[in-house]
Structures are given as structure tokens and as C-alpha cells.
N, C-alpha and C. Protein backbone atom coordinates (compact mmCIF):
# COMPACT_ATOMS: atom_id res chain seq x y z
N UNK A 1 4.71 -18.94 6.36
CA UNK A 1 5.19 -17.61 6.05
C UNK A 1 6.20 -17.67 4.90
N UNK A 2 6.99 -18.73 4.88
CA UNK A 2 7.98 -18.90 3.80
C UNK A 2 7.28 -18.97 2.45
N UNK A 3 6.13 -19.64 2.39
CA UNK A 3 5.40 -19.74 1.13
C UNK A 3 4.92 -18.38 0.65
N UNK A 4 4.42 -17.56 1.54
CA UNK A 4 3.93 -16.24 1.15
C UNK A 4 5.07 -15.36 0.67
N UNK A 5 6.19 -15.38 1.37
CA UNK A 5 7.36 -14.61 0.95
C UNK A 5 7.90 -15.15 -0.37
N UNK A 6 7.89 -16.47 -0.54
CA UNK A 6 8.35 -17.07 -1.81
C UNK A 6 7.45 -16.65 -2.97
N UNK A 7 6.15 -16.60 -2.73
CA UNK A 7 5.23 -16.16 -3.79
C UNK A 7 5.50 -14.72 -4.18
N UNK A 8 5.78 -13.87 -3.21
CA UNK A 8 6.09 -12.47 -3.50
C UNK A 8 7.41 -12.36 -4.26
N UNK A 9 8.39 -13.15 -3.87
CA UNK A 9 9.68 -13.15 -4.58
C UNK A 9 9.49 -13.65 -6.01
N UNK A 10 8.67 -14.66 -6.20
CA UNK A 10 8.36 -15.18 -7.54
C UNK A 10 7.70 -14.10 -8.39
N UNK A 11 6.75 -13.38 -7.81
CA UNK A 11 6.07 -12.30 -8.52
C UNK A 11 7.06 -11.22 -8.95
N UNK A 12 8.00 -10.91 -8.09
CA UNK A 12 8.99 -9.88 -8.38
C UNK A 12 9.98 -10.35 -9.44
N UNK A 13 10.35 -11.62 -9.40
CA UNK A 13 11.39 -12.14 -10.30
C UNK A 13 10.90 -12.39 -11.72
N UNK A 14 9.64 -12.74 -11.88
CA UNK A 14 9.11 -13.11 -13.20
C UNK A 14 8.48 -11.91 -13.89
N UNK A 15 8.71 -11.80 -15.20
CA UNK A 15 8.04 -10.75 -15.97
C UNK A 15 6.55 -11.05 -16.12
N UNK A 16 6.23 -12.32 -16.35
CA UNK A 16 4.83 -12.74 -16.46
C UNK A 16 4.62 -13.99 -15.60
N UNK A 17 4.37 -13.79 -14.30
CA UNK A 17 4.23 -14.95 -13.41
C UNK A 17 2.99 -15.77 -13.72
N UNK A 18 3.10 -17.06 -13.49
CA UNK A 18 1.97 -17.98 -13.65
C UNK A 18 1.02 -17.73 -12.47
N UNK A 19 -0.22 -17.31 -12.75
CA UNK A 19 -1.13 -17.00 -11.64
C UNK A 19 -1.48 -18.20 -10.78
N UNK A 20 -1.41 -19.41 -11.35
CA UNK A 20 -1.72 -20.60 -10.56
C UNK A 20 -0.63 -20.85 -9.52
N UNK A 21 0.62 -20.63 -9.90
CA UNK A 21 1.72 -20.77 -8.93
C UNK A 21 1.64 -19.66 -7.89
N UNK A 22 1.47 -18.44 -8.34
CA UNK A 22 1.44 -17.29 -7.44
C UNK A 22 0.30 -17.39 -6.43
N UNK A 23 -0.92 -17.51 -6.90
CA UNK A 23 -2.07 -17.53 -6.00
C UNK A 23 -2.19 -18.85 -5.24
N UNK A 24 -1.79 -19.94 -5.88
CA UNK A 24 -1.80 -21.23 -5.19
C UNK A 24 -0.85 -21.25 -4.01
N UNK A 25 0.34 -20.71 -4.22
CA UNK A 25 1.32 -20.64 -3.13
C UNK A 25 0.82 -19.74 -2.02
N UNK A 26 0.24 -18.60 -2.38
CA UNK A 26 -0.32 -17.70 -1.37
C UNK A 26 -1.45 -18.37 -0.61
N UNK A 27 -2.29 -19.11 -1.31
CA UNK A 27 -3.42 -19.79 -0.66
C UNK A 27 -2.93 -20.82 0.35
N UNK A 28 -1.97 -21.64 -0.04
CA UNK A 28 -1.45 -22.66 0.87
C UNK A 28 -0.76 -22.01 2.07
N UNK A 29 0.07 -21.01 1.81
CA UNK A 29 0.78 -20.33 2.90
C UNK A 29 -0.17 -19.67 3.88
N UNK A 30 -1.16 -18.95 3.36
CA UNK A 30 -2.12 -18.27 4.22
C UNK A 30 -2.98 -19.27 5.01
N UNK A 31 -3.32 -20.37 4.38
CA UNK A 31 -4.11 -21.40 5.07
C UNK A 31 -3.31 -22.02 6.22
N UNK A 32 -2.04 -22.32 5.95
CA UNK A 32 -1.20 -22.88 7.02
C UNK A 32 -1.04 -21.90 8.17
N UNK A 33 -0.84 -20.62 7.85
CA UNK A 33 -0.74 -19.62 8.92
C UNK A 33 -2.06 -19.49 9.68
N UNK A 34 -3.18 -19.56 8.97
CA UNK A 34 -4.48 -19.46 9.64
C UNK A 34 -4.70 -20.63 10.59
N UNK A 35 -4.31 -21.82 10.18
CA UNK A 35 -4.44 -22.99 11.06
C UNK A 35 -3.59 -22.79 12.32
N UNK A 36 -2.39 -22.29 12.13
CA UNK A 36 -1.52 -22.01 13.27
C UNK A 36 -2.16 -20.96 14.19
N UNK A 37 -2.79 -19.97 13.59
CA UNK A 37 -3.42 -18.91 14.39
C UNK A 37 -4.69 -19.40 15.10
N UNK A 38 -5.28 -20.47 14.62
CA UNK A 38 -6.41 -21.05 15.34
C UNK A 38 -5.94 -21.72 16.63
N UNK A 39 -4.73 -22.26 16.60
CA UNK A 39 -4.16 -22.90 17.79
C UNK A 39 -3.65 -21.85 18.76
N UNK A 40 -2.93 -20.87 18.23
CA UNK A 40 -2.37 -19.77 19.02
C UNK A 40 -3.10 -18.50 18.59
N UNK A 41 -4.28 -18.29 19.15
CA UNK A 41 -5.19 -17.28 18.65
C UNK A 41 -4.62 -15.87 18.74
N UNK A 42 -4.68 -15.20 17.59
CA UNK A 42 -4.34 -13.80 17.46
C UNK A 42 -5.34 -13.26 16.44
N UNK A 43 -6.43 -12.68 16.93
CA UNK A 43 -7.55 -12.33 16.07
C UNK A 43 -7.18 -11.39 14.92
N UNK A 44 -6.43 -10.31 15.14
CA UNK A 44 -6.10 -9.44 14.01
C UNK A 44 -5.32 -10.17 12.91
N UNK A 45 -4.39 -11.01 13.29
CA UNK A 45 -3.63 -11.77 12.30
C UNK A 45 -4.51 -12.80 11.60
N UNK A 46 -5.43 -13.40 12.33
CA UNK A 46 -6.34 -14.37 11.73
C UNK A 46 -7.25 -13.70 10.70
N UNK A 47 -7.72 -12.50 11.00
CA UNK A 47 -8.54 -11.75 10.04
C UNK A 47 -7.71 -11.42 8.80
N UNK A 48 -6.47 -11.01 8.99
CA UNK A 48 -5.60 -10.71 7.86
C UNK A 48 -5.39 -11.95 6.98
N UNK A 49 -5.18 -13.10 7.58
CA UNK A 49 -5.00 -14.33 6.81
C UNK A 49 -6.28 -14.71 6.08
N UNK A 50 -7.44 -14.46 6.68
CA UNK A 50 -8.71 -14.73 6.01
C UNK A 50 -8.84 -13.85 4.76
N UNK A 51 -8.43 -12.61 4.88
CA UNK A 51 -8.45 -11.71 3.71
C UNK A 51 -7.47 -12.21 2.66
N UNK A 52 -6.28 -12.61 3.09
CA UNK A 52 -5.25 -13.12 2.17
C UNK A 52 -5.76 -14.37 1.44
N UNK A 53 -6.43 -15.25 2.16
CA UNK A 53 -7.02 -16.46 1.55
C UNK A 53 -8.07 -16.06 0.52
N UNK A 54 -8.91 -15.09 0.86
CA UNK A 54 -9.96 -14.64 -0.06
C UNK A 54 -9.37 -14.06 -1.34
N UNK A 55 -8.32 -13.28 -1.21
CA UNK A 55 -7.67 -12.69 -2.39
C UNK A 55 -7.05 -13.80 -3.25
N UNK A 56 -6.44 -14.79 -2.62
CA UNK A 56 -5.84 -15.90 -3.37
C UNK A 56 -6.91 -16.70 -4.12
N UNK A 57 -8.04 -16.94 -3.47
CA UNK A 57 -9.14 -17.66 -4.14
C UNK A 57 -9.69 -16.82 -5.30
N UNK A 58 -9.81 -15.54 -5.10
CA UNK A 58 -10.26 -14.64 -6.16
C UNK A 58 -9.29 -14.70 -7.34
N UNK A 59 -7.99 -14.63 -7.07
CA UNK A 59 -6.99 -14.71 -8.13
C UNK A 59 -7.03 -16.03 -8.87
N UNK A 60 -7.18 -17.13 -8.14
CA UNK A 60 -7.27 -18.44 -8.79
C UNK A 60 -8.54 -18.55 -9.63
N UNK A 61 -9.64 -18.01 -9.14
CA UNK A 61 -10.89 -18.03 -9.90
C UNK A 61 -10.73 -17.26 -11.20
N UNK A 62 -10.13 -16.07 -11.12
CA UNK A 62 -9.89 -15.29 -12.34
C UNK A 62 -9.00 -16.04 -13.32
N UNK A 63 -7.98 -16.71 -12.81
CA UNK A 63 -7.06 -17.46 -13.67
C UNK A 63 -7.77 -18.63 -14.34
N UNK A 64 -8.61 -19.35 -13.59
CA UNK A 64 -9.36 -20.47 -14.18
C UNK A 64 -10.33 -19.98 -15.25
N UNK A 65 -11.02 -18.87 -14.98
CA UNK A 65 -11.96 -18.33 -15.96
C UNK A 65 -11.24 -17.83 -17.21
N UNK A 66 -10.09 -17.21 -17.04
CA UNK A 66 -9.31 -16.73 -18.19
C UNK A 66 -8.81 -17.90 -19.02
N UNK A 67 -8.39 -18.97 -18.36
CA UNK A 67 -7.91 -20.16 -19.08
C UNK A 67 -9.07 -20.79 -19.86
N UNK A 68 -10.22 -20.89 -19.22
CA UNK A 68 -11.39 -21.48 -19.89
C UNK A 68 -11.80 -20.64 -21.10
N UNK A 69 -11.76 -19.32 -20.96
CA UNK A 69 -12.13 -18.42 -22.05
C UNK A 69 -11.15 -18.53 -23.21
N UNK A 70 -9.87 -18.74 -22.91
CA UNK A 70 -8.84 -18.85 -23.95
C UNK A 70 -8.94 -20.15 -24.73
N UNK A 71 -9.54 -21.17 -24.15
CA UNK A 71 -9.63 -22.48 -24.83
C UNK A 71 -10.72 -22.54 -25.83
């Protein structure tokens, strides 16, 4: 949870945040929370973390494609 909150704070603090830091941090945080939710099952929260993971992967994919296009 600290990673997800830190990513949001980073997004708020930076004028132009690095998408790899932002989405990477969100991906790691959401994955860790999802693993915890597999042990202590809470289905609505697990679904939310799956969505959060999907959004982070989408953001990272967009960042990789933008970097490749810029090169």
C-alpha cells in the first residue's frame, strides 16, 4: 500500500513524472497487495488490485512504445 500511495505522491509532486517510475511502482505495489489478498481472500479488493495491475501494465506498455518511437 505504501508503494501505491508513494506513486500517487510522486505523480502529484512532479510536473512531468517518469512513467516508468510511476507505473512500475504501482505495478509492484498492486502485485504485492494482490498476493496478500490471495492469502487473506477479499474478492472485491482482489478484483480492484487486478484492475490496478492492468492499468499499470497498460501505462508501462504505452511508455515503452513511446520511448521506442522517440528513438
